Every structure is written in C-alpha cells, then in structure tokens.
C-alpha cells in the first residue's frame, strides 16, 4: 500500500483559490487511479476528481470548470487546483489511491478547506 499525505488546505474567502497536494510514499505511475474526495460537515464523503494512470479525468458536476486535477509521476504527487471557491466547497479533502487488483484503496489523513462568505 502507498502512504498518502495531503497538504495545502486552509481558510480562504469565497472566490479565492487553493492548491492541494498529495504526496505518495512511492511511485504512483502504476496505480490505477488517483483521486480527491471530500466530506463536508454532516455530509457523506463524495468524489471530487479522479485521474487514471492513462490520464483520463473525471470531475464531480459541482466542481467542473473550477477545479483541476493533475499528477506528476516524477514527483509521486497529485494536485488539485481549486479556483472560484464557494462556501459549499468547505470540507475535509482526502487523497485516494485505487488499485487495479483486490487491494483496498489507500487514503490520506485529510486536509481541511474552509471557504468563508
């Protein structure tokens, strides 16, 4: 299993930007998919964005056009650029690694993003 550590969260005003980073303990080039999920107050965890090893990307409808996911295999890091942030984006953001075999997904510890109105 890969170990994942998120960073880059914080407090930002509505309309602002943040960039989250997810550093992996080893190479991510062969991991089937890397993704960002979030869990807001009183809500279930939901997918935000996913990027596969082949570069295919999917976004939640709520963040399309505002968030961009990318991966740097050379740095074993996945990023989430978040622009035009809204108060409803407030959540703990988690990095996820999904494998192509039967192993359970790996998760980071999460980073808090708070957007003030």
N, C-alpha and C. Protein backbone atom coordinates (compact mmCIF):
# COMPACT_ATOMS: atom_id res chain seq x y z
N UNK A 1 0.83 -1.20 0.00
CA UNK A 1 0.00 0.00 0.00
C UNK A 1 0.87 1.24 0.00
N UNK A 2 0.42 2.24 -0.71
CA UNK A 2 1.12 3.51 -0.71
C UNK A 2 0.61 4.37 0.43
N UNK A 3 1.49 5.15 1.04
CA UNK A 3 1.10 6.11 2.07
C UNK A 3 0.89 7.46 1.39
N UNK A 4 -0.18 8.16 1.76
CA UNK A 4 -0.54 9.42 1.14
C UNK A 4 -0.60 10.52 2.19
N UNK A 5 -0.03 11.67 1.87
CA UNK A 5 -0.05 12.82 2.78
C UNK A 5 -0.53 14.05 2.01
N UNK A 6 -1.66 14.60 2.46
CA UNK A 6 -2.20 15.80 1.83
C UNK A 6 -1.65 17.05 2.50
N UNK A 7 -1.62 18.13 1.74
CA UNK A 7 -1.24 19.44 2.26
C UNK A 7 -1.88 20.51 1.38
N UNK A 8 -1.86 21.74 1.89
CA UNK A 8 -2.33 22.87 1.10
C UNK A 8 -3.69 23.40 1.49
N UNK A 9 -4.35 22.75 2.44
CA UNK A 9 -5.64 23.26 2.88
C UNK A 9 -5.50 24.54 3.67
N UNK A 10 -6.64 25.16 3.97
CA UNK A 10 -6.61 26.38 4.76
C UNK A 10 -7.92 27.12 4.68
N UNK A 11 -7.87 28.37 5.13
CA UNK A 11 -9.04 29.25 5.13
C UNK A 11 -8.90 30.25 4.00
N UNK A 12 -9.93 30.38 3.19
CA UNK A 12 -9.89 31.29 2.05
C UNK A 12 -11.26 31.92 1.90
N UNK A 13 -11.29 33.12 1.35
CA UNK A 13 -12.56 33.78 1.10
C UNK A 13 -13.20 33.24 -0.19
N UNK A 14 -14.50 33.36 -0.26
CA UNK A 14 -15.20 32.95 -1.47
C UNK A 14 -14.62 33.66 -2.68
N UNK A 15 -14.45 32.90 -3.75
CA UNK A 15 -13.83 33.43 -4.95
C UNK A 15 -12.33 33.21 -5.03
N UNK A 16 -11.76 32.79 -3.92
CA UNK A 16 -10.32 32.58 -3.86
C UNK A 16 -9.90 31.22 -4.40
N UNK A 17 -8.60 30.96 -4.28
CA UNK A 17 -8.03 29.72 -4.82
C UNK A 17 -7.14 29.04 -3.79
N UNK A 18 -7.04 27.74 -3.92
CA UNK A 18 -6.10 26.94 -3.15
C UNK A 18 -5.59 25.81 -4.05
N UNK A 19 -4.39 25.33 -3.76
CA UNK A 19 -3.89 24.15 -4.44
C UNK A 19 -3.54 23.10 -3.40
N UNK A 20 -4.18 21.98 -3.50
CA UNK A 20 -3.90 20.85 -2.62
C UNK A 20 -2.86 19.94 -3.27
N UNK A 21 -2.03 19.37 -2.44
CA UNK A 21 -1.03 18.40 -2.90
C UNK A 21 -1.20 17.10 -2.15
N UNK A 22 -0.93 16.02 -2.83
CA UNK A 22 -0.97 14.68 -2.22
C UNK A 22 0.34 13.99 -2.56
N UNK A 23 1.19 13.85 -1.56
CA UNK A 23 2.49 13.23 -1.75
C UNK A 23 2.41 11.74 -1.41
N UNK A 24 2.85 10.92 -2.32
CA UNK A 24 2.83 9.46 -2.11
C UNK A 24 4.20 8.97 -1.69
N UNK A 25 4.19 7.87 -0.94
CA UNK A 25 5.44 7.31 -0.39
C UNK A 25 6.25 6.54 -1.43
N UNK A 26 5.64 6.25 -2.56
CA UNK A 26 6.34 5.54 -3.62
C UNK A 26 5.72 5.91 -4.95
N UNK A 27 6.22 5.31 -5.99
CA UNK A 27 5.76 5.63 -7.33
C UNK A 27 4.25 5.43 -7.49
N UNK A 28 3.62 6.40 -8.15
CA UNK A 28 2.19 6.30 -8.41
C UNK A 28 1.90 5.99 -9.88
N UNK A 29 2.94 5.83 -10.67
CA UNK A 29 2.73 5.68 -12.11
C UNK A 29 1.91 4.45 -12.47
N UNK A 30 1.99 3.41 -11.64
CA UNK A 30 1.27 2.17 -11.96
C UNK A 30 -0.05 2.05 -11.21
N UNK A 31 -0.35 3.02 -10.36
CA UNK A 31 -1.61 2.97 -9.62
C UNK A 31 -2.75 3.29 -10.58
N UNK A 32 -3.79 2.49 -10.52
CA UNK A 32 -4.87 2.57 -11.49
C UNK A 32 -5.50 3.96 -11.56
N UNK A 33 -5.78 4.53 -10.40
CA UNK A 33 -6.41 5.85 -10.38
C UNK A 33 -6.06 6.56 -9.09
N UNK A 34 -5.85 7.86 -9.20
CA UNK A 34 -5.65 8.72 -8.04
C UNK A 34 -6.79 9.72 -8.01
N UNK A 35 -7.28 10.00 -6.82
CA UNK A 35 -8.42 10.89 -6.76
C UNK A 35 -8.46 11.75 -5.53
N UNK A 36 -9.32 12.73 -5.59
CA UNK A 36 -9.62 13.60 -4.45
C UNK A 36 -11.09 13.41 -4.09
N UNK A 37 -11.32 13.26 -2.80
CA UNK A 37 -12.66 13.15 -2.27
C UNK A 37 -12.82 14.22 -1.19
N UNK A 38 -14.05 14.51 -0.80
CA UNK A 38 -14.26 15.46 0.28
C UNK A 38 -15.46 15.05 1.12
N UNK A 39 -15.42 15.50 2.36
CA UNK A 39 -16.53 15.26 3.28
C UNK A 39 -16.83 16.54 4.01
N UNK A 40 -17.97 17.13 3.69
CA UNK A 40 -18.40 18.35 4.34
C UNK A 40 -19.10 18.06 5.65
N UNK A 41 -19.34 19.09 6.46
CA UNK A 41 -20.00 18.91 7.75
C UNK A 41 -21.36 18.24 7.60
N UNK A 42 -21.56 17.14 8.27
CA UNK A 42 -22.83 16.44 8.23
C UNK A 42 -23.15 15.76 6.92
N UNK A 43 -22.14 15.62 6.07
CA UNK A 43 -22.36 15.01 4.76
C UNK A 43 -21.53 13.74 4.60
N UNK A 44 -21.90 12.94 3.62
CA UNK A 44 -21.12 11.76 3.29
C UNK A 44 -19.92 12.15 2.42
N UNK A 45 -18.92 11.32 2.44
CA UNK A 45 -17.75 11.55 1.60
C UNK A 45 -18.17 11.41 0.13
N UNK A 46 -17.69 12.32 -0.70
CA UNK A 46 -18.04 12.31 -2.11
C UNK A 46 -16.81 12.49 -2.98
N UNK A 47 -16.87 11.97 -4.18
CA UNK A 47 -15.75 12.12 -5.10
C UNK A 47 -15.74 13.54 -5.65
N UNK A 48 -14.55 14.09 -5.79
CA UNK A 48 -14.37 15.42 -6.36
C UNK A 48 -13.77 15.31 -7.76
N UNK A 49 -12.67 14.57 -7.86
CA UNK A 49 -12.00 14.42 -9.15
C UNK A 49 -11.12 13.17 -9.11
N UNK A 50 -11.02 12.53 -10.28
CA UNK A 50 -10.21 11.32 -10.38
C UNK A 50 -9.39 11.39 -11.67
N UNK A 51 -8.13 10.95 -11.58
CA UNK A 51 -7.29 10.86 -12.76
C UNK A 51 -6.70 9.46 -12.83
N UNK A 52 -6.84 8.81 -13.97
CA UNK A 52 -6.35 7.45 -14.10
C UNK A 52 -4.89 7.44 -14.55
N UNK A 53 -4.30 6.26 -14.54
CA UNK A 53 -2.91 6.11 -14.97
C UNK A 53 -2.73 6.46 -16.45
N UNK A 54 -3.81 6.36 -17.21
CA UNK A 54 -3.75 6.70 -18.63
C UNK A 54 -4.05 8.17 -18.88
N UNK A 55 -4.37 8.90 -17.81
CA UNK A 55 -4.63 10.33 -17.93
C UNK A 55 -6.08 10.72 -18.09
N UNK A 56 -6.97 9.74 -18.06
CA UNK A 56 -8.39 10.07 -18.15
C UNK A 56 -8.82 10.75 -16.86
N UNK A 57 -9.65 11.79 -16.98
CA UNK A 57 -10.05 12.60 -15.84
C UNK A 57 -11.57 12.70 -15.78
N UNK A 58 -12.08 12.63 -14.55
CA UNK A 58 -13.50 12.86 -14.30
C UNK A 58 -13.66 13.80 -13.12
N UNK A 59 -14.64 14.67 -13.23
CA UNK A 59 -14.94 15.63 -12.16
C UNK A 59 -16.38 15.49 -11.71
N UNK A 60 -16.62 15.80 -10.45
CA UNK A 60 -17.98 15.96 -9.98
C UNK A 60 -18.57 17.17 -10.69
N UNK A 61 -19.87 17.11 -10.96
CA UNK A 61 -20.52 18.22 -11.66
C UNK A 61 -20.35 19.54 -10.90
N UNK A 62 -20.33 19.45 -9.58
CA UNK A 62 -20.29 20.66 -8.76
C UNK A 62 -18.97 21.41 -8.86
N UNK A 63 -17.92 20.76 -9.38
CA UNK A 63 -16.61 21.43 -9.44
C UNK A 63 -16.11 21.61 -10.86
N UNK A 64 -16.84 21.12 -11.84
CA UNK A 64 -16.40 21.24 -13.23
C UNK A 64 -16.21 22.71 -13.61
N UNK A 65 -15.10 22.99 -14.27
CA UNK A 65 -14.79 24.35 -14.68
C UNK A 65 -14.11 25.17 -13.61
N UNK A 66 -14.06 24.66 -12.38
CA UNK A 66 -13.41 25.40 -11.28
C UNK A 66 -12.19 24.67 -10.73
N UNK A 67 -12.25 23.35 -10.70
CA UNK A 67 -11.16 22.55 -10.14
C UNK A 67 -10.42 21.82 -11.25
N UNK A 68 -9.12 21.63 -11.03
CA UNK A 68 -8.30 20.88 -11.98
C UNK A 68 -7.43 19.89 -11.23
N UNK A 69 -7.52 18.62 -11.61
CA UNK A 69 -6.67 17.59 -11.02
C UNK A 69 -5.52 17.30 -11.98
N UNK A 70 -4.35 17.04 -11.40
CA UNK A 70 -3.20 16.69 -12.22
C UNK A 70 -2.30 15.76 -11.42
N UNK A 71 -1.43 15.06 -12.11
CA UNK A 71 -0.50 14.18 -11.43
C UNK A 71 0.89 14.35 -12.02
N UNK A 72 1.89 14.31 -11.15
CA UNK A 72 3.29 14.38 -11.55
C UNK A 72 3.92 13.08 -11.11
N UNK A 73 4.01 12.14 -12.03
CA UNK A 73 4.54 10.82 -11.67
C UNK A 73 6.00 10.91 -11.22
N UNK A 74 6.73 11.87 -11.75
CA UNK A 74 8.13 12.01 -11.36
C UNK A 74 8.30 12.44 -9.91
N UNK A 75 7.31 13.17 -9.39
CA UNK A 75 7.36 13.63 -8.00
C UNK A 75 6.43 12.80 -7.12
N UNK A 76 5.80 11.78 -7.69
CA UNK A 76 4.86 10.95 -6.91
C UNK A 76 3.80 11.81 -6.22
N UNK A 77 3.28 12.78 -6.92
CA UNK A 77 2.37 13.76 -6.31
C UNK A 77 1.17 14.00 -7.22
N UNK A 78 0.02 14.15 -6.58
CA UNK A 78 -1.21 14.52 -7.26
C UNK A 78 -1.65 15.88 -6.71
N UNK A 79 -2.16 16.71 -7.58
CA UNK A 79 -2.57 18.05 -7.20
C UNK A 79 -4.06 18.26 -7.47
N UNK A 80 -4.62 19.20 -6.72
CA UNK A 80 -5.98 19.66 -7.01
C UNK A 80 -5.95 21.18 -6.93
N UNK A 81 -6.03 21.81 -8.09
CA UNK A 81 -6.11 23.27 -8.15
C UNK A 81 -7.57 23.65 -8.05
N UNK A 82 -7.89 24.45 -7.05
CA UNK A 82 -9.27 24.84 -6.79
C UNK A 82 -9.40 26.36 -6.96
N UNK A 83 -10.17 26.77 -7.92
CA UNK A 83 -10.42 28.18 -8.18
C UNK A 83 -11.88 28.52 -7.95
N UNK A 84 -12.16 29.80 -7.84
CA UNK A 84 -13.55 30.27 -7.65
C UNK A 84 -14.24 29.50 -6.54
N UNK A 85 -13.56 29.39 -5.43
CA UNK A 85 -14.09 28.60 -4.32
C UNK A 85 -15.37 29.20 -3.76
N UNK A 86 -16.25 28.30 -3.32
CA UNK A 86 -17.55 28.68 -2.76
C UNK A 86 -17.65 28.15 -1.33
N UNK A 87 -18.48 28.76 -0.51
CA UNK A 87 -18.65 28.24 0.86
C UNK A 87 -19.04 26.77 0.89
N UNK A 88 -19.78 26.32 -0.09
CA UNK A 88 -20.18 24.92 -0.12
C UNK A 88 -19.04 23.96 -0.46
N UNK A 89 -17.89 24.50 -0.81
CA UNK A 89 -16.70 23.66 -1.00
C UNK A 89 -16.01 23.35 0.32
N UNK A 90 -16.48 23.95 1.39
CA UNK A 90 -15.89 23.70 2.71
C UNK A 90 -16.02 22.22 3.06
N UNK A 91 -14.90 21.59 3.37
CA UNK A 91 -14.88 20.15 3.65
C UNK A 91 -13.47 19.73 4.03
N UNK A 92 -13.36 18.51 4.51
CA UNK A 92 -12.07 17.86 4.61
C UNK A 92 -11.83 17.14 3.29
N UNK A 93 -10.69 17.41 2.69
CA UNK A 93 -10.36 16.83 1.39
C UNK A 93 -9.37 15.69 1.59
N UNK A 94 -9.69 14.56 0.98
CA UNK A 94 -8.88 13.35 1.12
C UNK A 94 -8.32 12.91 -0.23
N UNK A 95 -7.09 12.45 -0.19
CA UNK A 95 -6.46 11.87 -1.37
C UNK A 95 -6.70 10.36 -1.34
N UNK A 96 -6.89 9.78 -2.51
CA UNK A 96 -7.21 8.36 -2.62
C UNK A 96 -6.39 7.71 -3.72
N UNK A 97 -5.95 6.48 -3.46
CA UNK A 97 -5.29 5.66 -4.48
C UNK A 97 -6.09 4.39 -4.65
N UNK A 98 -6.53 4.15 -5.87
CA UNK A 98 -7.31 2.94 -6.17
C UNK A 98 -6.49 2.02 -7.05
N UNK A 99 -6.38 0.77 -6.63
CA UNK A 99 -5.54 -0.19 -7.31
C UNK A 99 -6.35 -1.04 -8.29
N UNK A 100 -5.66 -1.62 -9.23
CA UNK A 100 -6.34 -2.45 -10.23
C UNK A 100 -6.54 -3.88 -9.77
N UNK A 101 -5.94 -4.23 -8.62
CA UNK A 101 -6.14 -5.59 -8.11
C UNK A 101 -7.10 -5.54 -6.92
N UNK A 102 -7.04 -6.54 -6.05
CA UNK A 102 -8.03 -6.66 -4.98
C UNK A 102 -7.66 -5.88 -3.73
N UNK A 103 -6.56 -5.16 -3.75
CA UNK A 103 -6.16 -4.40 -2.57
C UNK A 103 -7.17 -3.30 -2.27
N UNK A 104 -7.36 -3.05 -0.98
CA UNK A 104 -8.21 -1.94 -0.57
C UNK A 104 -7.56 -0.62 -0.95
N UNK A 105 -8.41 0.38 -1.20
CA UNK A 105 -7.89 1.71 -1.54
C UNK A 105 -7.02 2.24 -0.40
N UNK A 106 -6.10 3.12 -0.75
CA UNK A 106 -5.32 3.86 0.24
C UNK A 106 -5.89 5.26 0.38
N UNK A 107 -5.88 5.78 1.60
CA UNK A 107 -6.40 7.12 1.88
C UNK A 107 -5.38 7.92 2.67
N UNK A 108 -5.38 9.23 2.43
CA UNK A 108 -4.60 10.12 3.26
C UNK A 108 -5.39 10.50 4.49
N UNK A 109 -4.78 11.34 5.33
CA UNK A 109 -5.41 11.72 6.59
C UNK A 109 -6.39 12.89 6.42
N UNK A 110 -6.31 13.55 5.29
CA UNK A 110 -7.23 14.65 5.00
C UNK A 110 -6.63 16.01 5.31
N UNK A 111 -7.12 17.01 4.60
CA UNK A 111 -6.72 18.40 4.85
C UNK A 111 -7.98 19.26 4.80
N UNK A 112 -8.09 20.17 5.77
CA UNK A 112 -9.31 20.98 5.90
C UNK A 112 -9.26 22.16 4.95
N UNK A 113 -10.34 22.35 4.23
CA UNK A 113 -10.54 23.53 3.40
C UNK A 113 -11.79 24.25 3.90
N UNK A 114 -11.62 25.51 4.26
CA UNK A 114 -12.74 26.31 4.74
C UNK A 114 -12.87 27.56 3.88
N UNK A 115 -14.05 27.74 3.30
CA UNK A 115 -14.30 28.90 2.44
C UNK A 115 -15.32 29.79 3.12
N UNK A 116 -14.91 31.01 3.41
CA UNK A 116 -15.79 31.96 4.10
C UNK A 116 -16.53 32.82 3.09
N UNK A 117 -17.73 33.20 3.46
CA UNK A 117 -18.57 34.00 2.54
C UNK A 117 -18.34 35.48 2.75
